[in-house]
């Protein structure tokens, strides 16, 4: 069982803040974009396709457009209908309603995940990462809250646990830290990038 009900968590935030970065629980658009920058820094320049796991309103797609990376094929996945509907309007791309922990996932070159792990239990977070990695042809890039903090809302993961999972999957790992306290971005690569 999840620590926090995903639907209630996001619907309450959308009701309070609307259909923007704060509606998907970022402090601001700038905070969201700092994390997007870290994710794209780990995405190889020859990447041609991403699957945005937990795409929210499709904000990553627009950030990629601002960075002249919109030529990549973009597919979005989200569990909430309101997110899927808005992302389809905003991006005009393939956006699917999907429970990443349980549904069949589309194949994709790279899976990218920003923030979606933060309200999952550790077991769910590891399952999410593993399933996305297995559905990718080249790997997954994701961020997580790093630490041992206890929170009734957010899930903190330890870097050594993430390293152990990556090693178990046979991935080559690359980490980025230092851009936000308790925030870490990591790539699990299947190739020699």
C-alpha atoms as a PDB file:
ATOM      1  CA  UNK A   1       0.000   0.000   0.000  1.00  0.00           C
ATOM      2  CA  UNK A   2       1.217   3.513  -0.820  1.00  0.00           C
ATOM      3  CA  UNK A   3       2.196   5.892   1.953  1.00  0.00           C
ATOM      4  CA  UNK A   4       0.028   8.567   0.303  1.00  0.00           C
ATOM      5  CA  UNK A   5      -2.948   8.121  -1.997  1.00  0.00           C
ATOM      6  CA  UNK A   6      -1.691   9.367  -5.363  1.00  0.00           C
ATOM      7  CA  UNK A   7      -5.081  10.596  -6.565  1.00  0.00           C
ATOM      8  CA  UNK A   8      -5.918  12.538  -3.392  1.00  0.00           C
ATOM      9  CA  UNK A   9      -2.383  13.966  -3.171  1.00  0.00           C
ATOM     10  CA  UNK A  10      -2.415  15.465  -6.663  1.00  0.00           C
ATOM     11  CA  UNK A  11      -6.084  16.424  -6.898  1.00  0.00           C
ATOM     12  CA  UNK A  12      -5.757  18.468  -3.682  1.00  0.00           C
ATOM     13  CA  UNK A  13      -2.709  20.246  -5.075  1.00  0.00           C
ATOM     14  CA  UNK A  14      -4.385  20.935  -8.417  1.00  0.00           C
ATOM     15  CA  UNK A  15      -7.441  22.304  -6.608  1.00  0.00           C
ATOM     16  CA  UNK A  16      -5.209  24.678  -4.637  1.00  0.00           C
ATOM     17  CA  UNK A  17      -2.672  25.737  -7.293  1.00  0.00           C
ATOM     18  CA  UNK A  18      -4.156  24.872 -10.673  1.00  0.00           C
ATOM     19  CA  UNK A  19      -2.549  23.255 -13.687  1.00  0.00           C
ATOM     20  CA  UNK A  20       1.039  24.421 -13.191  1.00  0.00           C
ATOM     21  CA  UNK A  21       4.262  23.228 -11.558  1.00  0.00           C
ATOM     22  CA  UNK A  22       2.892  23.772  -8.051  1.00  0.00           C
ATOM     23  CA  UNK A  23      -0.134  21.658  -8.991  1.00  0.00           C
ATOM     24  CA  UNK A  24       2.239  18.689  -9.359  1.00  0.00           C
ATOM     25  CA  UNK A  25       3.969  19.514  -6.051  1.00  0.00           C
ATOM     26  CA  UNK A  26       7.017  21.487  -7.177  1.00  0.00           C
ATOM     27  CA  UNK A  27       7.756  24.671  -5.218  1.00  0.00           C
ATOM     28  CA  UNK A  28       7.919  26.611  -8.472  1.00  0.00           C
ATOM     29  CA  UNK A  29       8.480  26.241 -12.187  1.00  0.00           C
ATOM     30  CA  UNK A  30      12.139  27.171 -11.603  1.00  0.00           C
ATOM     31  CA  UNK A  31      12.547  24.323  -9.068  1.00  0.00           C
ATOM     32  CA  UNK A  32      10.981  21.935 -11.568  1.00  0.00           C
ATOM     33  CA  UNK A  33      13.261  23.133 -14.369  1.00  0.00           C
ATOM     34  CA  UNK A  34      16.414  22.761 -12.271  1.00  0.00           C
ATOM     35  CA  UNK A  35      15.552  19.082 -11.949  1.00  0.00           C
ATOM     36  CA  UNK A  36      14.737  18.798 -15.665  1.00  0.00           C
ATOM     37  CA  UNK A  37      18.178  20.255 -16.435  1.00  0.00           C
ATOM     38  CA  UNK A  38      19.836  17.503 -14.370  1.00  0.00           C
ATOM     39  CA  UNK A  39      17.833  14.781 -16.135  1.00  0.00           C
ATOM     40  CA  UNK A  40      18.694  16.064 -19.610  1.00  0.00           C
ATOM     41  CA  UNK A  41      22.373  16.419 -18.664  1.00  0.00           C
ATOM     42  CA  UNK A  42      22.410  12.618 -18.297  1.00  0.00           C
ATOM     43  CA  UNK A  43      20.481  11.963 -21.533  1.00  0.00           C
ATOM     44  CA  UNK A  44      22.905  11.103 -24.347  1.00  0.00           C
ATOM     45  CA  UNK A  45      22.952  13.597 -27.219  1.00  0.00           C
ATOM     46  CA  UNK A  46      22.110  10.815 -29.681  1.00  0.00           C
ATOM     47  CA  UNK A  47      18.881   9.859 -27.876  1.00  0.00           C
ATOM     48  CA  UNK A  48      15.924   9.796 -30.219  1.00  0.00           C
ATOM     49  CA  UNK A  49      13.035   8.846 -27.907  1.00  0.00           C
ATOM     50  CA  UNK A  50      11.947   9.258 -24.303  1.00  0.00           C
ATOM     51  CA  UNK A  51       9.075   7.920 -22.269  1.00  0.00           C
ATOM     52  CA  UNK A  52       8.192  10.410 -19.530  1.00  0.00           C
ATOM     53  CA  UNK A  53       7.039   8.193 -16.641  1.00  0.00           C
ATOM     54  CA  UNK A  54       4.769  10.264 -14.431  1.00  0.00           C
ATOM     55  CA  UNK A  55       4.539  13.036 -17.018  1.00  0.00           C
ATOM     56  CA  UNK A  56       2.075  15.233 -15.156  1.00  0.00           C
ATOM     57  CA  UNK A  57       1.023  18.050 -17.481  1.00  0.00           C
ATOM     58  CA  UNK A  58       3.817  17.388 -19.994  1.00  0.00           C
ATOM     59  CA  UNK A  59       6.088  20.113 -18.620  1.00  0.00           C
ATOM     60  CA  UNK A  60       9.254  18.146 -19.450  1.00  0.00           C
ATOM     61  CA  UNK A  61       8.273  18.188 -23.122  1.00  0.00           C
ATOM     62  CA  UNK A  62       8.092  21.999 -23.101  1.00  0.00           C
ATOM     63  CA  UNK A  63      11.369  22.277 -21.235  1.00  0.00           C
ATOM     64  CA  UNK A  64      12.946  20.037 -23.888  1.00  0.00           C
ATOM     65  CA  UNK A  65      11.499  22.318 -26.574  1.00  0.00           C
ATOM     66  CA  UNK A  66      13.111  25.322 -24.897  1.00  0.00           C
ATOM     67  CA  UNK A  67      16.420  23.425 -24.946  1.00  0.00           C
ATOM     68  CA  UNK A  68      16.067  22.576 -28.679  1.00  0.00           C
ATOM     69  CA  UNK A  69      15.533  18.880 -27.922  1.00  0.00           C
ATOM     70  CA  UNK A  70      11.920  18.677 -29.061  1.00  0.00           C
ATOM     71  CA  UNK A  71      12.832  16.646 -32.152  1.00  0.00           C
ATOM     72  CA  UNK A  72      12.957  13.511 -29.980  1.00  0.00           C
ATOM     73  CA  UNK A  73       9.935  11.253 -29.968  1.00  0.00           C
ATOM     74  CA  UNK A  74       8.060  11.913 -26.717  1.00  0.00           C
ATOM     75  CA  UNK A  75       5.594   9.580 -24.987  1.00  0.00           C
ATOM     76  CA  UNK A  76       4.012  10.471 -21.652  1.00  0.00           C
ATOM     77  CA  UNK A  77       2.577   8.159 -19.000  1.00  0.00           C
ATOM     78  CA  UNK A  78       0.558   9.173 -15.969  1.00  0.00           C
ATOM     79  CA  UNK A  79      -1.882   7.470 -13.626  1.00  0.00           C
ATOM     80  CA  UNK A  80      -4.275  10.405 -13.318  1.00  0.00           C
ATOM     81  CA  UNK A  81      -6.824  11.211 -15.997  1.00  0.00           C
ATOM     82  CA  UNK A  82      -6.613  14.976 -15.383  1.00  0.00           C
ATOM     83  CA  UNK A  83      -2.845  14.862 -16.000  1.00  0.00           C
ATOM     84  CA  UNK A  84      -3.211  12.760 -19.147  1.00  0.00           C
ATOM     85  CA  UNK A  85      -5.942  14.998 -20.567  1.00  0.00           C
ATOM     86  CA  UNK A  86      -3.979  18.202 -19.934  1.00  0.00           C
ATOM     87  CA  UNK A  87      -0.691  16.734 -21.218  1.00  0.00           C
ATOM     88  CA  UNK A  88      -2.393  15.644 -24.447  1.00  0.00           C
ATOM     89  CA  UNK A  89      -3.699  19.188 -24.971  1.00  0.00           C
ATOM     90  CA  UNK A  90      -0.375  20.839 -24.127  1.00  0.00           C
ATOM     91  CA  UNK A  91       1.952  18.552 -26.067  1.00  0.00           C
ATOM     92  CA  UNK A  92      -0.147  17.028 -28.879  1.00  0.00           C
ATOM     93  CA  UNK A  93       1.955  13.895 -28.254  1.00  0.00           C
ATOM     94  CA  UNK A  94       1.123  10.318 -27.271  1.00  0.00           C
ATOM     95  CA  UNK A  95       0.080  10.426 -23.611  1.00  0.00           C
ATOM     96  CA  UNK A  96      -1.327   7.313 -21.951  1.00  0.00           C
ATOM     97  CA  UNK A  97      -3.094   6.720 -18.665  1.00  0.00           C
ATOM     98  CA  UNK A  98      -1.029   4.025 -17.027  1.00  0.00           C
ATOM     99  CA  UNK A  99      -0.288   2.522 -13.612  1.00  0.00           C
ATOM    100  CA  UNK A 100       3.469   2.123 -13.992  1.00  0.00           C
ATOM    101  CA  UNK A 101       3.650  -0.336 -11.099  1.00  0.00           C
ATOM    102  CA  UNK A 102       1.201  -2.774 -12.677  1.00  0.00           C
ATOM    103  CA  UNK A 103       0.220  -2.051 -16.292  1.00  0.00           C
ATOM    104  CA  UNK A 104       2.013  -3.172 -19.439  1.00  0.00           C
ATOM    105  CA  UNK A 105       4.550  -0.472 -20.290  1.00  0.00           C
ATOM    106  CA  UNK A 106       5.352   0.710 -23.800  1.00  0.00           C
ATOM    107  CA  UNK A 107       8.848   0.046 -25.086  1.00  0.00           C
ATOM    108  CA  UNK A 108      11.036   3.108 -25.339  1.00  0.00           C
ATOM    109  CA  UNK A 109      14.655   4.082 -25.814  1.00  0.00           C
ATOM    110  CA  UNK A 110      14.991   6.004 -22.523  1.00  0.00           C
ATOM    111  CA  UNK A 111      12.566   6.292 -19.650  1.00  0.00           C
ATOM    112  CA  UNK A 112      12.746   9.551 -17.674  1.00  0.00           C
ATOM    113  CA  UNK A 113      11.094  10.157 -14.325  1.00  0.00           C
ATOM    114  CA  UNK A 114      10.986  13.450 -12.414  1.00  0.00           C
ATOM    115  CA  UNK A 115       9.385  13.468  -8.983  1.00  0.00           C
ATOM    116  CA  UNK A 116       7.072  10.486  -9.391  1.00  0.00           C
ATOM    117  CA  UNK A 117       9.052   8.334  -6.939  1.00  0.00           C
ATOM    118  CA  UNK A 118       8.688  10.789  -4.080  1.00  0.00           C
ATOM    119  CA  UNK A 119       5.383   9.491  -2.690  1.00  0.00           C
ATOM    120  CA  UNK A 120       5.940   5.792  -3.344  1.00  0.00           C
ATOM    121  CA  UNK A 121       7.104   3.388  -0.662  1.00  0.00           C
ATOM    122  CA  UNK A 122      10.656   2.074  -1.062  1.00  0.00           C
ATOM    123  CA  UNK A 123       9.314  -1.210  -2.434  1.00  0.00           C
ATOM    124  CA  UNK A 124       7.129   0.653  -4.955  1.00  0.00           C
ATOM    125  CA  UNK A 125       9.979   2.980  -5.958  1.00  0.00           C
ATOM    126  CA  UNK A 126      12.281   0.015  -6.658  1.00  0.00           C
ATOM    127  CA  UNK A 127       9.527  -1.753  -8.615  1.00  0.00           C
ATOM    128  CA  UNK A 128       8.854   1.427 -10.621  1.00  0.00           C
ATOM    129  CA  UNK A 129      12.548   1.844 -11.494  1.00  0.00           C
ATOM    130  CA  UNK A 130      12.979  -1.828 -12.380  1.00  0.00           C
ATOM    131  CA  UNK A 131       9.894  -1.941 -14.615  1.00  0.00           C
ATOM    132  CA  UNK A 132      10.869   1.234 -16.491  1.00  0.00           C
ATOM    133  CA  UNK A 133      14.438  -0.001 -16.919  1.00  0.00           C
ATOM    134  CA  UNK A 134      13.183  -3.303 -18.332  1.00  0.00           C
ATOM    135  CA  UNK A 135      10.831  -1.494 -20.768  1.00  0.00           C
ATOM    136  CA  UNK A 136      13.676   0.696 -22.060  1.00  0.00           C
ATOM    137  CA  UNK A 137      16.205  -0.229 -24.735  1.00  0.00           C
ATOM    138  CA  UNK A 138      18.953   2.060 -23.345  1.00  0.00           C
ATOM    139  CA  UNK A 139      18.063   2.912 -19.742  1.00  0.00           C
ATOM    140  CA  UNK A 140      16.247   5.090 -17.246  1.00  0.00           C
ATOM    141  CA  UNK A 141      17.122   8.514 -15.829  1.00  0.00           C
ATOM    142  CA  UNK A 142      15.341   9.611 -12.671  1.00  0.00           C
ATOM    143  CA  UNK A 143      15.539  11.792  -9.600  1.00  0.00           C
ATOM    144  CA  UNK A 144      14.810  10.983  -5.993  1.00  0.00           C
ATOM    145  CA  UNK A 145      14.950  12.479  -2.524  1.00  0.00           C
ATOM    146  CA  UNK A 146      18.178  11.244  -0.970  1.00  0.00           C
ATOM    147  CA  UNK A 147      18.480  10.608   2.737  1.00  0.00           C
ATOM    148  CA  UNK A 148      17.144   8.826   5.751  1.00  0.00           C
ATOM    149  CA  UNK A 149      14.584  11.435   6.715  1.00  0.00           C
ATOM    150  CA  UNK A 150      11.247  10.223   7.948  1.00  0.00           C
ATOM    151  CA  UNK A 151       8.206  11.883   6.414  1.00  0.00           C
ATOM    152  CA  UNK A 152       4.521  11.098   6.414  1.00  0.00           C
ATOM    153  CA  UNK A 153       4.359  12.275   2.802  1.00  0.00           C
ATOM    154  CA  UNK A 154       7.659  11.911   0.976  1.00  0.00           C
ATOM    155  CA  UNK A 155       9.845   8.871   0.442  1.00  0.00           C
ATOM    156  CA  UNK A 156      13.574   9.309   0.979  1.00  0.00           C
ATOM    157  CA  UNK A 157      15.861   6.754  -0.644  1.00  0.00           C
ATOM    158  CA  UNK A 158      19.475   6.044   0.153  1.00  0.00           C
ATOM    159  CA  UNK A 159      22.099   6.228  -2.561  1.00  0.00           C
ATOM    160  CA  UNK A 160      23.558   2.847  -1.579  1.00  0.00           C
ATOM    161  CA  UNK A 161      20.118   1.255  -2.109  1.00  0.00           C
ATOM    162  CA  UNK A 162      19.854   2.821  -5.558  1.00  0.00           C
ATOM    163  CA  UNK A 163      23.403   1.689  -6.392  1.00  0.00           C
ATOM    164  CA  UNK A 164      22.568  -1.847  -5.259  1.00  0.00           C
ATOM    165  CA  UNK A 165      19.452  -1.896  -7.451  1.00  0.00           C
ATOM    166  CA  UNK A 166      21.383  -0.599 -10.454  1.00  0.00           C
ATOM    167  CA  UNK A 167      24.137  -3.162  -9.946  1.00  0.00           C
ATOM    168  CA  UNK A 168      21.546  -5.927  -9.592  1.00  0.00           C
ATOM    169  CA  UNK A 169      20.047  -4.866 -12.937  1.00  0.00           C
ATOM    170  CA  UNK A 170      23.493  -4.811 -14.549  1.00  0.00           C
ATOM    171  CA  UNK A 171      23.294  -1.091 -15.278  1.00  0.00           C
ATOM    172  CA  UNK A 172      26.145   1.357 -15.542  1.00  0.00           C
ATOM    173  CA  UNK A 173      25.352   4.199 -13.135  1.00  0.00           C
ATOM    174  CA  UNK A 174      25.999   7.917 -13.260  1.00  0.00           C
ATOM    175  CA  UNK A 175      24.895  10.299 -10.475  1.00  0.00           C
ATOM    176  CA  UNK A 176      24.392  14.086 -10.309  1.00  0.00           C
ATOM    177  CA  UNK A 177      24.127  15.821  -6.930  1.00  0.00           C
ATOM    178  CA  UNK A 178      24.739  19.224  -5.381  1.00  0.00           C
ATOM    179  CA  UNK A 179      22.023  21.155  -7.239  1.00  0.00           C
ATOM    180  CA  UNK A 180      19.459  20.869  -4.401  1.00  0.00           C
ATOM    181  CA  UNK A 181      19.787  19.622  -0.850  1.00  0.00           C
ATOM    182  CA  UNK A 182      18.536  16.023  -0.534  1.00  0.00           C
ATOM    183  CA  UNK A 183      17.919  15.708  -4.277  1.00  0.00           C
ATOM    184  CA  UNK A 184      19.776  13.288  -6.514  1.00  0.00           C
ATOM    185  CA  UNK A 185      19.539  12.409 -10.206  1.00  0.00           C
ATOM    186  CA  UNK A 186      20.842   9.128 -11.567  1.00  0.00           C
ATOM    187  CA  UNK A 187      21.039   7.288 -14.872  1.00  0.00           C
ATOM    188  CA  UNK A 188      20.928   3.515 -15.207  1.00  0.00           C
ATOM    189  CA  UNK A 189      22.471   2.912 -18.640  1.00  0.00           C
ATOM    190  CA  UNK A 190      22.286  -0.300 -20.641  1.00  0.00           C
ATOM    191  CA  UNK A 191      24.855   0.846 -23.211  1.00  0.00           C
ATOM    192  CA  UNK A 192      28.367   2.296 -23.080  1.00  0.00           C
ATOM    193  CA  UNK A 193      27.387   6.010 -23.069  1.00  0.00           C
END
